[in-house]
Structure formats: C-alpha cells, structure tokens
C-alpha atoms as a PDB file:
ATOM      1  CA  UNK A   1    -161.310 183.901 -91.609  1.00  0.00           C
ATOM      2  CA  UNK A   2    -158.944 183.428 -88.424  1.00  0.00           C
ATOM      3  CA  UNK A   3    -160.258 184.024 -85.437  1.00  0.00           C
ATOM      4  CA  UNK A   4    -158.165 184.246 -81.606  1.00  0.00           C
ATOM      5  CA  UNK A   5    -159.449 181.302 -78.773  1.00  0.00           C
ATOM      6  CA  UNK A   6    -160.256 183.282 -75.834  1.00  0.00           C
ATOM      7  CA  UNK A   7    -159.936 180.580 -73.530  1.00  0.00           C
ATOM      8  CA  UNK A   8    -156.484 179.408 -74.608  1.00  0.00           C
ATOM      9  CA  UNK A   9    -155.095 183.126 -74.568  1.00  0.00           C
ATOM     10  CA  UNK A  10    -155.859 182.781 -71.094  1.00  0.00           C
ATOM     11  CA  UNK A  11    -154.969 179.422 -70.778  1.00  0.00           C
ATOM     12  CA  UNK A  12    -151.612 181.181 -72.297  1.00  0.00           C
ATOM     13  CA  UNK A  13    -151.521 184.198 -70.332  1.00  0.00           C
ATOM     14  CA  UNK A  14    -151.409 186.259 -73.289  1.00  0.00           C
ATOM     15  CA  UNK A  15    -154.140 189.048 -73.976  1.00  0.00           C
ATOM     16  CA  UNK A  16    -156.245 189.367 -77.713  1.00  0.00           C
ATOM     17  CA  UNK A  17    -153.771 191.690 -78.760  1.00  0.00           C
ATOM     18  CA  UNK A  18    -150.757 188.471 -79.194  1.00  0.00           C
ATOM     19  CA  UNK A  19    -153.189 187.225 -81.859  1.00  0.00           C
ATOM     20  CA  UNK A  20    -152.056 190.383 -84.216  1.00  0.00           C
ATOM     21  CA  UNK A  21    -149.010 192.279 -82.428  1.00  0.00           C
ATOM     22  CA  UNK A  22    -147.518 190.819 -86.486  1.00  0.00           C
ATOM     23  CA  UNK A  23    -150.156 192.554 -88.371  1.00  0.00           C
ATOM     24  CA  UNK A  24    -149.586 195.668 -89.004  1.00  0.00           C
ATOM     25  CA  UNK A  25    -152.172 197.916 -90.268  1.00  0.00           C
ATOM     26  CA  UNK A  26    -154.595 194.558 -89.184  1.00  0.00           C
ATOM     27  CA  UNK A  27    -157.742 195.220 -87.147  1.00  0.00           C
ATOM     28  CA  UNK A  28    -158.589 192.788 -84.177  1.00  0.00           C
ATOM     29  CA  UNK A  29    -162.943 192.775 -83.170  1.00  0.00           C
ATOM     30  CA  UNK A  30    -164.246 190.507 -80.093  1.00  0.00           C
ATOM     31  CA  UNK A  31    -166.988 188.454 -80.555  1.00  0.00           C
ATOM     32  CA  UNK A  32    -169.149 185.795 -79.193  1.00  0.00           C
ATOM     33  CA  UNK A  33    -169.036 182.261 -80.914  1.00  0.00           C
ATOM     34  CA  UNK A  34    -172.418 183.004 -80.084  1.00  0.00           C
ATOM     35  CA  UNK A  35    -172.845 185.529 -82.658  1.00  0.00           C
ATOM     36  CA  UNK A  36    -171.331 182.447 -84.936  1.00  0.00           C
ATOM     37  CA  UNK A  37    -173.604 180.288 -84.758  1.00  0.00           C
ATOM     38  CA  UNK A  38    -176.544 182.586 -84.668  1.00  0.00           C
ATOM     39  CA  UNK A  39    -175.767 183.767 -88.784  1.00  0.00           C
ATOM     40  CA  UNK A  40    -174.781 180.034 -89.243  1.00  0.00           C
ATOM     41  CA  UNK A  41    -171.189 179.786 -89.747  1.00  0.00           C
ATOM     42  CA  UNK A  42    -169.135 177.261 -87.658  1.00  0.00           C
ATOM     43  CA  UNK A  43    -165.878 177.466 -85.497  1.00  0.00           C
ATOM     44  CA  UNK A  44    -163.080 175.345 -85.036  1.00  0.00           C
ATOM     45  CA  UNK A  45    -159.508 174.982 -83.353  1.00  0.00           C
ATOM     46  CA  UNK A  46    -156.887 174.861 -85.939  1.00  0.00           C
ATOM     47  CA  UNK A  47    -153.909 175.851 -83.823  1.00  0.00           C
ATOM     48  CA  UNK A  48    -150.555 175.987 -85.753  1.00  0.00           C
ATOM     49  CA  UNK A  49    -146.802 176.209 -84.134  1.00  0.00           C
ATOM     50  CA  UNK A  50    -146.386 179.820 -83.699  1.00  0.00           C
ATOM     51  CA  UNK A  51    -150.671 180.621 -82.812  1.00  0.00           C
ATOM     52  CA  UNK A  52    -151.757 177.823 -80.093  1.00  0.00           C
ATOM     53  CA  UNK A  53    -154.332 179.993 -79.839  1.00  0.00           C
ATOM     54  CA  UNK A  54    -155.462 180.158 -83.889  1.00  0.00           C
ATOM     55  CA  UNK A  55    -159.179 179.101 -84.942  1.00  0.00           C
ATOM     56  CA  UNK A  56    -161.078 178.838 -88.071  1.00  0.00           C
ATOM     57  CA  UNK A  57    -164.682 180.744 -88.877  1.00  0.00           C
ATOM     58  CA  UNK A  58    -166.230 178.195 -91.738  1.00  0.00           C
ATOM     59  CA  UNK A  59    -169.541 179.388 -93.684  1.00  0.00           C
ATOM     60  CA  UNK A  60    -169.850 181.573 -96.717  1.00  0.00           C
ATOM     61  CA  UNK A  61    -168.911 184.878 -95.202  1.00  0.00           C
ATOM     62  CA  UNK A  62    -170.903 187.739 -97.976  1.00  0.00           C
ATOM     63  CA  UNK A  63    -170.815 191.731 -97.562  1.00  0.00           C
ATOM     64  CA  UNK A  64    -173.665 191.148 -94.874  1.00  0.00           C
ATOM     65  CA  UNK A  65    -172.334 189.207 -92.720  1.00  0.00           C
ATOM     66  CA  UNK A  66    -169.448 190.957 -92.313  1.00  0.00           C
ATOM     67  CA  UNK A  67    -171.222 194.417 -91.425  1.00  0.00           C
ATOM     68  CA  UNK A  68    -173.585 191.641 -89.014  1.00  0.00           C
ATOM     69  CA  UNK A  69    -169.962 191.336 -87.267  1.00  0.00           C
ATOM     70  CA  UNK A  70    -169.075 194.929 -87.090  1.00  0.00           C
ATOM     71  CA  UNK A  71    -172.284 195.953 -85.758  1.00  0.00           C
ATOM     72  CA  UNK A  72    -172.869 193.374 -83.258  1.00  0.00           C
ATOM     73  CA  UNK A  73    -169.719 192.822 -81.997  1.00  0.00           C
ATOM     74  CA  UNK A  74    -168.072 193.681 -78.431  1.00  0.00           C
ATOM     75  CA  UNK A  75    -165.427 195.988 -79.464  1.00  0.00           C
ATOM     76  CA  UNK A  76    -162.153 196.747 -80.977  1.00  0.00           C
ATOM     77  CA  UNK A  77    -159.132 195.469 -79.954  1.00  0.00           C
ATOM     78  CA  UNK A  78    -157.173 196.638 -82.220  1.00  0.00           C
ATOM     79  CA  UNK A  79    -159.267 199.237 -85.552  1.00  0.00           C
ATOM     80  CA  UNK A  80    -157.954 198.189 -88.804  1.00  0.00           C
ATOM     81  CA  UNK A  81    -155.269 200.163 -90.483  1.00  0.00           C
ATOM     82  CA  UNK A  82    -154.124 200.720 -86.558  1.00  0.00           C
ATOM     83  CA  UNK A  83    -150.133 199.612 -86.177  1.00  0.00           C
ATOM     84  CA  UNK A  84    -148.860 198.201 -82.921  1.00  0.00           C
END
C-alpha cells in the first residue's frame, strides 16, 4: 500500500492532495503511523523522482486490516471515485 509521508509533504510545502492529483477515482485516507504499527505492519520511505513523499506499508493487509484502517483513520482527504 502506498502512502504519502506528511513530514516530507510539509517540508516541500505541499498538501496531501498533491499525492493523488494524477489519480482520478482514487481516495486518500489520513492515518497515523502509530495505527500501522498497532496492526503489526511497517512503513518505510520509498521516494521517487516524481513522488519524493512516497512511502510503502509492508505486511499482510487482509480485508479485516483494510476495515480497521478505515474505521480508525483520522479522515478522508478525498473519497474513492471522487475526481480532483
């Protein structure tokens, strides 16, 4: 699962929406790295030239884990199927 690292976005003066501006129909959910760790998953930075904020969540992400992310997350920045 790809994530946008808030610290990097903040350092670049970008908003979370910058991470999905090229991805119509995709949603963006805000959650804490603490939540990732509580689910026994890991997160690492994996920047690219086009996406210096890019990171990955590692570990098995079952449907139950997916539901936990949605239930425990701070808020939707953009819901799935919404266009920019």
